[in-house]
Amino acid sequence: MLRKFSVLAAVSVLTALALILSACAAPGSLTVSQPNPGSADSQGSSPKAAPAPVPAGTVRLPQPQVAPPIQRSEPTTVKVEIEAKEITALLDDGVAFHYWTFNGTVPGPMIRVMQGDTVELTFKNAPDSHATHSIDLHAVTGPGGGAKVTQVAPGKSATFRFKALNPGVYVYHCATGPVALHIANGMYGLIVVEPPGGLPKVDREFYVMQGDIYLQGDRGEKGLRTYSLEKLLREEPDYVVFNGSVGSLTGPNALKAKVGETVRIFFGVGGPNLTSSFHVIGEIFDKVYPEGASEPVSNVQTTLVPAGGATIAEFKLQVPGTYVLVDHSLGRLEKGAAAQIQVEGPDNPDVFNPIAPATSSQDTSH
């Protein structure tokens, strides 16, 4: 099991702080995560260096796919392979970041199994990684959720099996010290454990996760940015994003649906620090499975999702237009926490009828 630790408030030298934080790594960890070159937070000893330019050809990370619903009725053995990959990609326009990922996406791949399945998980760490990585699945009953036996050095791998005992939607994340840093750099995802008989059928399913990112320097500064352990410990993120980057699910990247369809959103919060007040502007959740619970509640406007937690939200689309997914702690909207569902179809004046709409193009409804 991961060792409990506390940060000594009197420590002022970052090197000593990093050593203390590394104690949170599970026993058997092969290396301690070290900052990227030039990533140590400024302590006032030297002028702040400007970020390096964004490397040519840098693009946003690809989006993970929704794993298909389970079609069988009997438990089986499911083999899953996940690889830790460290990748430089765009976080925002003109801003690049060195992500730590599962399978090259943020969030990592959705794992989908059935209650009663035996899951054989092989965890690899890419040879060009700079740090040890691991995986802790909240759906696992066992030491560290698997992290105790998956502290894997670059170029190595480990395998373990677990029984999926409880249905629900669960977060997984890296659990190598400092754990919060690995999560903040992008190492989180969801595992869905369907009950026998599966979830009720819907027309479309979406996979969205929120995370907070901490950078050296000023927010909005362009270039190749490095993480800030100091800001992370103060819980002062520069960015709060859905699916890894600003604009990952808006505009040309928006989710798509049609009037009359029922959609299901698997929504999780990697964190590492912030809780989300998940809300869809212009919709009411017909059903919410709080924290991924087995039984839903009805007619919910906003649902609270903790760091390291997940939920399922379902609703039927009755009016065309663009619907914005937000964390209703709305200061985070300015830090990137927005996604869109673009809904096509016929108008429905019985439900929504703009009789004399305002002429201003600025939306002040939220």
Protein backbone atom coordinates (compact mmCIF):
# COMPACT_ATOMS: atom_id res chain seq x y z
CA MET A 1 0.00 0.00 0.00
CA LEU A 2 1.24 3.49 -0.72
CA ARG A 3 2.95 5.08 2.26
CA LYS A 4 1.27 8.09 3.83
CA PHE A 5 3.35 11.22 3.94
CA SER A 6 3.18 14.87 4.93
CA VAL A 7 5.07 17.86 3.56
CA LEU A 8 7.23 19.67 6.09
CA ALA A 9 6.24 23.32 6.02
CA ALA A 10 9.68 24.51 7.05
CA VAL A 11 11.43 23.05 4.01
CA SER A 12 12.44 25.90 1.68
CA VAL A 13 14.86 24.24 -0.71
CA LEU A 14 13.07 22.53 -3.61
CA THR A 15 15.57 19.68 -3.85
CA ALA A 16 14.86 18.68 -0.26
CA LEU A 17 11.13 19.02 -0.89
CA ALA A 18 11.28 16.71 -3.89
CA LEU A 19 13.11 14.10 -1.84
CA ILE A 20 10.46 14.25 0.88
CA LEU A 21 7.64 13.97 -1.65
CA SER A 22 9.26 10.96 -3.28
CA ALA A 23 8.50 8.98 -0.14
CA CYS A 24 4.92 8.61 -1.41
CA ALA A 25 6.08 6.16 -4.07
CA ALA A 26 5.06 2.58 -3.41
CA PRO A 27 7.76 0.25 -2.03
CA GLY A 28 9.73 -1.22 -4.88
CA SER A 29 9.77 1.97 -6.96
CA LEU A 30 12.85 1.83 -9.14
CA THR A 31 13.48 5.54 -9.66
CA VAL A 32 12.26 8.83 -8.29
CA SER A 33 10.59 11.23 -10.72
CA GLN A 34 12.85 14.21 -11.34
CA PRO A 35 11.91 17.58 -12.84
CA ASN A 36 12.46 18.17 -16.53
CA PRO A 37 15.68 20.03 -17.27
CA GLY A 38 15.19 23.65 -16.29
CA SER A 39 11.88 22.95 -14.55
CA ALA A 40 12.79 23.79 -10.97
CA ASP A 41 10.65 26.61 -9.60
CA SER A 42 12.33 29.93 -9.20
CA GLN A 43 13.30 30.70 -5.61
CA GLY A 44 14.55 34.17 -6.45
CA SER A 45 18.18 33.10 -6.88
CA SER A 46 18.31 33.85 -10.60
CA PRO A 47 16.25 35.69 -13.25
CA LYS A 48 13.33 33.76 -14.72
CA ALA A 49 14.30 32.20 -18.04
CA ALA A 50 11.94 32.59 -20.98
CA PRO A 51 10.27 29.38 -22.20
CA ALA A 52 11.85 27.56 -25.11
CA PRO A 53 10.04 27.90 -28.46
CA VAL A 54 7.32 25.40 -29.32
CA PRO A 55 9.03 22.60 -31.30
CA ALA A 56 8.14 22.59 -35.00
CA GLY A 57 5.31 20.22 -35.88
CA THR A 58 3.88 20.09 -32.35
CA VAL A 59 0.13 19.28 -32.36
CA ARG A 60 -2.54 18.48 -29.81
CA LEU A 61 -2.81 14.99 -28.38
CA PRO A 62 -5.31 12.67 -30.10
CA GLN A 63 -8.61 11.99 -28.35
CA PRO A 64 -9.24 8.64 -26.65
CA GLN A 65 -12.14 6.57 -27.94
CA VAL A 66 -15.17 5.41 -25.99
CA ALA A 67 -14.82 1.68 -25.41
CA PRO A 68 -17.86 -0.18 -26.85
CA PRO A 69 -20.56 -1.57 -24.54
CA ILE A 70 -20.22 -5.15 -23.34
CA GLN A 71 -22.21 -7.51 -25.56
CA ARG A 72 -21.79 -10.76 -23.63
CA SER A 73 -23.66 -12.16 -20.62
CA GLU A 74 -20.99 -14.25 -18.89
CA PRO A 75 -17.75 -13.13 -17.17
CA THR A 76 -14.48 -13.87 -18.94
CA THR A 77 -10.78 -13.00 -18.78
CA VAL A 78 -10.00 -9.65 -20.39
CA LYS A 79 -6.43 -8.75 -21.32
CA VAL A 80 -5.52 -5.05 -21.20
CA GLU A 81 -2.21 -3.46 -22.21
CA ILE A 82 -1.34 0.11 -21.23
CA GLU A 83 1.92 1.95 -21.88
CA ALA A 84 3.22 5.08 -20.17
CA LYS A 85 4.38 7.55 -22.83
CA GLU A 86 5.92 10.99 -22.32
CA ILE A 87 4.87 13.26 -25.21
CA THR A 88 5.27 16.95 -26.04
CA ALA A 89 2.00 18.37 -27.40
CA LEU A 90 -0.02 21.59 -27.53
CA LEU A 91 -1.81 22.60 -24.36
CA ASP A 92 -3.15 25.84 -25.85
CA ASP A 93 -2.54 27.94 -28.94
CA GLY A 94 1.18 28.70 -28.89
CA VAL A 95 1.69 26.77 -25.65
CA ALA A 96 3.32 23.33 -25.59
CA PHE A 97 3.71 21.00 -22.61
CA HIS A 98 5.58 17.76 -21.95
CA TYR A 99 2.72 15.44 -20.97
CA TRP A 100 3.04 12.14 -19.17
CA THR A 101 0.30 9.89 -20.58
CA PHE A 102 -1.25 6.46 -20.72
CA ASN A 103 -1.15 5.25 -24.37
CA GLY A 104 -0.44 8.74 -25.64
CA THR A 105 -3.77 10.40 -24.75
CA VAL A 106 -5.18 12.50 -21.91
CA PRO A 107 -7.26 10.97 -20.48
CA GLY A 108 -5.82 7.52 -21.05
CA PRO A 109 -7.81 4.80 -22.83
CA MET A 110 -11.20 3.86 -21.45
CA ILE A 111 -11.12 0.33 -20.07
CA ARG A 112 -14.53 -1.39 -20.18
CA VAL A 113 -15.27 -4.75 -18.56
CA MET A 114 -18.13 -6.57 -16.87
CA GLN A 115 -18.63 -7.25 -13.19
CA GLY A 116 -17.11 -10.66 -12.47
CA ASP A 117 -14.49 -10.44 -15.23
CA THR A 118 -10.89 -11.30 -14.49
CA VAL A 119 -8.70 -8.54 -15.88
CA GLU A 120 -5.09 -9.30 -16.81
CA LEU A 121 -3.35 -5.95 -17.08
CA THR A 122 0.12 -5.51 -18.54
CA PHE A 123 1.66 -2.14 -17.80
CA LYS A 124 4.64 -0.96 -19.85
CA ASN A 125 6.85 2.10 -19.60
CA ALA A 126 8.21 3.37 -22.92
CA PRO A 127 12.00 3.08 -23.32
CA ASP A 128 12.37 6.84 -23.89
CA SER A 129 10.56 7.81 -20.68
CA HIS A 130 12.53 9.82 -18.13
CA ALA A 131 10.70 8.56 -15.04
CA THR A 132 9.31 5.46 -13.40
CA HIS A 133 5.52 5.20 -13.83
CA SER A 134 2.78 2.94 -12.45
CA ILE A 135 -0.99 2.43 -12.45
CA ASP A 136 -3.50 2.52 -9.61
CA LEU A 137 -7.06 1.56 -10.62
CA HIS A 138 -9.81 2.50 -8.18
CA ALA A 139 -11.76 -0.54 -9.42
CA VAL A 140 -9.08 -2.88 -8.02
CA THR A 141 -9.31 -4.55 -4.63
CA GLY A 142 -5.65 -5.12 -3.74
CA PRO A 143 -2.48 -3.32 -2.57
CA GLY A 144 -2.28 0.17 -4.05
CA GLY A 145 -4.96 -0.66 -6.61
CA GLY A 146 -2.16 -2.35 -8.56
CA ALA A 147 0.42 0.40 -8.00
CA LYS A 148 2.46 -1.69 -5.56
CA VAL A 149 3.32 -4.20 -8.29
CA THR A 150 3.58 -1.83 -11.27
CA GLN A 151 6.38 0.59 -10.35
CA VAL A 152 7.97 0.20 -13.78
CA ALA A 153 11.24 1.75 -14.95
CA PRO A 154 11.68 2.98 -18.54
CA GLY A 155 11.75 0.09 -21.00
CA LYS A 156 10.30 -2.40 -18.49
CA SER A 157 6.87 -3.92 -17.85
CA ALA A 158 4.78 -5.67 -15.20
CA THR A 159 1.59 -7.77 -15.26
CA PHE A 160 -1.06 -8.51 -12.64
CA ARG A 161 -4.61 -9.87 -12.50
CA PHE A 162 -7.62 -8.61 -10.60
CA LYS A 163 -11.29 -9.50 -10.32
CA ALA A 164 -13.75 -6.73 -11.21
CA LEU A 165 -15.90 -7.11 -8.12
CA ASN A 166 -17.97 -3.90 -8.12
CA PRO A 167 -19.92 -2.27 -10.95
CA GLY A 168 -19.44 1.45 -11.54
CA VAL A 169 -17.16 4.03 -13.16
CA TYR A 170 -13.72 4.36 -11.61
CA VAL A 171 -10.67 6.58 -12.08
CA TYR A 172 -7.23 5.13 -12.66
CA HIS A 173 -4.00 7.12 -12.40
CA CYS A 174 -0.25 6.90 -11.96
CA ALA A 175 0.81 6.38 -8.35
CA THR A 176 4.55 6.99 -8.46
CA GLY A 177 5.87 9.73 -6.20
CA PRO A 178 5.22 12.61 -6.26
CA VAL A 179 1.82 11.14 -7.15
CA ALA A 180 0.10 14.51 -7.64
CA LEU A 181 2.76 15.56 -10.15
CA HIS A 182 2.29 12.48 -12.33
CA ILE A 183 -1.49 13.06 -12.35
CA ALA A 184 -1.14 16.78 -13.08
CA ASN A 185 1.07 15.92 -16.05
CA GLY A 186 -1.76 13.85 -17.57
CA MET A 187 -1.69 10.34 -16.13
CA TYR A 188 -5.34 9.48 -15.46
CA GLY A 189 -8.27 7.69 -17.13
CA LEU A 190 -11.49 5.75 -16.49
CA ILE A 191 -12.37 2.08 -16.13
CA VAL A 192 -16.05 1.22 -16.59
CA VAL A 193 -17.29 -1.96 -14.89
CA GLU A 194 -20.72 -2.77 -16.30
CA PRO A 195 -23.26 -4.69 -14.22
CA PRO A 196 -24.50 -8.04 -15.55
CA GLY A 197 -26.89 -7.25 -18.39
CA GLY A 198 -25.06 -4.01 -19.15
CA LEU A 199 -26.04 -0.37 -18.92
CA PRO A 200 -29.32 0.79 -20.51
CA LYS A 201 -28.91 1.44 -24.23
CA VAL A 202 -28.41 5.04 -25.38
CA ASP A 203 -27.79 6.59 -28.79
CA ARG A 204 -24.35 8.09 -28.11
CA GLU A 205 -21.67 7.85 -25.44
CA PHE A 206 -18.95 10.40 -24.70
CA TYR A 207 -15.76 10.19 -22.60
CA VAL A 208 -14.69 13.41 -20.86
CA MET A 209 -12.27 14.02 -17.99
CA GLN A 210 -11.19 17.19 -16.21
CA GLY A 211 -7.67 17.90 -14.98
CA ASP A 212 -5.68 20.79 -13.52
CA ILE A 213 -2.24 21.75 -14.89
CA TYR A 214 0.47 23.78 -13.16
CA LEU A 215 3.16 25.66 -15.09
CA GLN A 216 6.17 27.79 -14.34
CA GLY A 217 5.94 31.42 -15.33
CA ASP A 218 2.90 33.53 -16.08
CA ARG A 219 -0.38 32.07 -17.26
CA GLY A 220 -0.77 32.48 -21.02
CA GLU A 221 2.96 32.78 -21.62
CA LYS A 222 3.78 31.23 -24.98
CA GLY A 223 6.40 28.57 -25.69
CA LEU A 224 7.34 25.13 -24.38
CA ARG A 225 6.26 25.24 -20.75
CA THR A 226 7.48 23.16 -17.82
CA TYR A 227 5.56 22.05 -14.75
CA SER A 228 5.59 23.89 -11.44
CA LEU A 229 5.72 21.73 -8.33
CA GLU A 230 5.43 24.87 -6.22
CA LYS A 231 2.09 25.92 -7.79
CA LEU A 232 0.84 22.35 -7.55
CA LEU A 233 1.42 22.31 -3.80
CA ARG A 234 -0.34 25.67 -3.47
CA GLU A 235 -3.21 24.27 -5.58
CA GLU A 236 -3.06 27.22 -8.00
CA PRO A 237 -3.43 25.79 -11.54
CA ASP A 238 -2.69 27.79 -14.67
CA TYR A 239 -5.07 25.63 -16.71
CA VAL A 240 -8.16 23.56 -15.93
CA VAL A 241 -9.02 21.55 -19.03
CA PHE A 242 -11.24 18.84 -20.43
CA ASN A 243 -9.44 16.00 -22.22
CA GLY A 244 -5.96 17.40 -21.88
CA SER A 245 -5.94 20.79 -23.60
CA VAL A 246 -7.82 24.01 -24.28
CA GLY A 247 -10.18 23.47 -27.22
CA SER A 248 -9.82 19.69 -27.26
CA LEU A 249 -13.63 19.33 -27.44
CA THR A 250 -14.78 22.67 -28.89
CA GLY A 251 -15.25 24.13 -32.36
CA PRO A 252 -14.13 21.64 -35.01
CA ASN A 253 -13.36 19.16 -32.20
CA ALA A 254 -16.82 19.38 -30.58
CA LEU A 255 -18.85 16.29 -29.76
CA LYS A 256 -21.70 15.63 -32.22
CA ALA A 257 -25.31 14.51 -31.69
CA LYS A 258 -28.83 14.89 -33.08
CA VAL A 259 -32.18 16.05 -31.77
CA GLY A 260 -34.11 13.12 -30.31
CA GLU A 261 -31.02 11.20 -29.24
CA THR A 262 -30.17 10.24 -25.68
CA VAL A 263 -26.53 10.76 -24.78
CA ARG A 264 -24.45 9.34 -21.96
CA ILE A 265 -21.36 11.13 -20.67
CA PHE A 266 -18.77 9.22 -18.71
CA PHE A 267 -17.23 12.11 -16.78
CA GLY A 268 -14.29 11.86 -14.42
CA VAL A 269 -11.90 14.16 -12.60
CA GLY A 270 -8.23 13.26 -12.65
CA GLY A 271 -7.34 16.31 -10.60
CA PRO A 272 -4.99 16.09 -8.84
CA ASN A 273 -6.49 18.83 -6.67
CA LEU A 274 -9.75 20.37 -7.90
CA THR A 275 -13.29 19.10 -7.49
CA SER A 276 -15.66 19.74 -10.44
CA SER A 277 -19.19 21.14 -10.42
CA PHE A 278 -20.13 19.46 -13.70
CA HIS A 279 -22.89 21.20 -15.65
CA VAL A 280 -24.17 21.35 -19.24
CA ILE A 281 -25.43 24.84 -20.10
CA GLY A 282 -28.97 24.57 -21.51
CA GLU A 283 -29.64 20.98 -20.41
CA ILE A 284 -30.87 19.10 -17.36
CA PHE A 285 -29.47 15.66 -16.59
CA ASP A 286 -32.34 13.17 -16.82
CA LYS A 287 -30.21 10.69 -14.89
CA VAL A 288 -27.00 11.00 -12.89
CA TYR A 289 -25.15 8.09 -11.34
CA PRO A 290 -23.46 9.96 -8.46
CA GLU A 291 -19.76 9.07 -8.25
CA GLY A 292 -20.46 6.19 -10.64
CA ALA A 293 -22.96 4.55 -8.29
CA SER A 294 -25.19 1.70 -9.46
CA GLU A 295 -28.48 3.55 -8.93
CA PRO A 296 -29.23 6.87 -10.68
CA VAL A 297 -30.96 10.00 -9.42
CA SER A 298 -33.17 12.13 -11.68
CA ASN A 299 -33.49 15.75 -12.86
CA VAL A 300 -30.09 17.12 -11.81
CA GLN A 301 -28.79 20.55 -12.84
CA THR A 302 -25.18 20.29 -11.62
CA THR A 303 -23.38 17.33 -10.12
CA LEU A 304 -20.34 17.40 -7.86
CA VAL A 305 -17.47 15.15 -8.93
CA PRO A 306 -14.47 14.91 -6.59
CA ALA A 307 -10.85 14.66 -7.61
CA GLY A 308 -10.30 10.97 -8.23
CA GLY A 309 -14.03 10.44 -8.78
CA ALA A 310 -16.35 9.86 -11.72
CA THR A 311 -20.00 9.95 -12.70
CA ILE A 312 -22.40 9.06 -15.51
CA ALA A 313 -24.78 11.76 -16.79
CA GLU A 314 -27.56 11.04 -19.29
CA PHE A 315 -30.05 13.32 -21.06
CA LYS A 316 -32.25 13.43 -24.15
CA LEU A 317 -31.60 16.18 -26.69
CA GLN A 318 -34.77 18.05 -27.63
CA VAL A 319 -33.57 21.35 -29.14
CA PRO A 320 -30.81 21.93 -31.72
CA GLY A 321 -27.82 24.13 -30.95
CA THR A 322 -24.47 24.13 -29.21
CA TYR A 323 -24.40 22.99 -25.59
CA VAL A 324 -21.39 23.86 -23.45
CA LEU A 325 -19.99 21.50 -20.82
CA VAL A 326 -18.43 23.42 -17.93
CA ASP A 327 -17.17 23.21 -14.39
CA HIS A 328 -19.64 25.63 -12.78
CA SER A 329 -16.84 27.03 -10.66
CA LEU A 330 -16.81 29.38 -13.61
CA GLY A 331 -13.45 31.03 -13.08
CA ARG A 332 -12.12 27.76 -14.48
CA LEU A 333 -13.91 28.46 -17.76
CA GLU A 334 -11.31 31.19 -18.28
CA LYS A 335 -8.60 28.57 -17.69
CA GLY A 336 -9.92 26.27 -20.43
CA ALA A 337 -12.59 24.09 -18.77
CA ALA A 338 -15.09 23.93 -21.64
CA ALA A 339 -16.36 21.35 -24.10
CA GLN A 340 -19.22 21.45 -26.59
CA ILE A 341 -21.92 19.17 -27.92
CA GLN A 342 -23.15 20.37 -31.32
CA VAL A 343 -26.72 19.15 -31.83
CA GLU A 344 -28.32 19.10 -35.28
CA GLY A 345 -32.00 18.69 -36.06
CA PRO A 346 -35.36 20.46 -36.39
CA ASP A 347 -36.41 23.31 -34.12
CA ASN A 348 -38.78 22.50 -31.27
CA PRO A 349 -40.74 25.68 -30.43
CA ASP A 350 -42.90 23.88 -27.88
CA VAL A 351 -39.76 23.42 -25.77
CA PHE A 352 -37.72 26.52 -26.70
CA ASN A 353 -38.93 29.46 -28.77
CA PRO A 354 -36.78 32.62 -29.18
CA ILE A 355 -39.58 35.14 -29.82
CA ALA A 356 -37.50 38.34 -29.83
CA PRO A 357 -33.85 37.42 -29.33
CA ALA A 358 -31.30 40.03 -28.30
CA THR A 359 -29.21 41.49 -31.08
CA SER A 360 -25.94 41.45 -29.10
CA SER A 361 -23.61 38.61 -30.00
CA GLN A 362 -22.26 38.39 -26.45
CA ASP A 363 -23.77 35.62 -24.34
CA THR A 364 -24.11 36.68 -20.72
CA SER A 365 -26.37 33.84 -19.60
CA HIS A 366 -23.59 32.33 -17.49
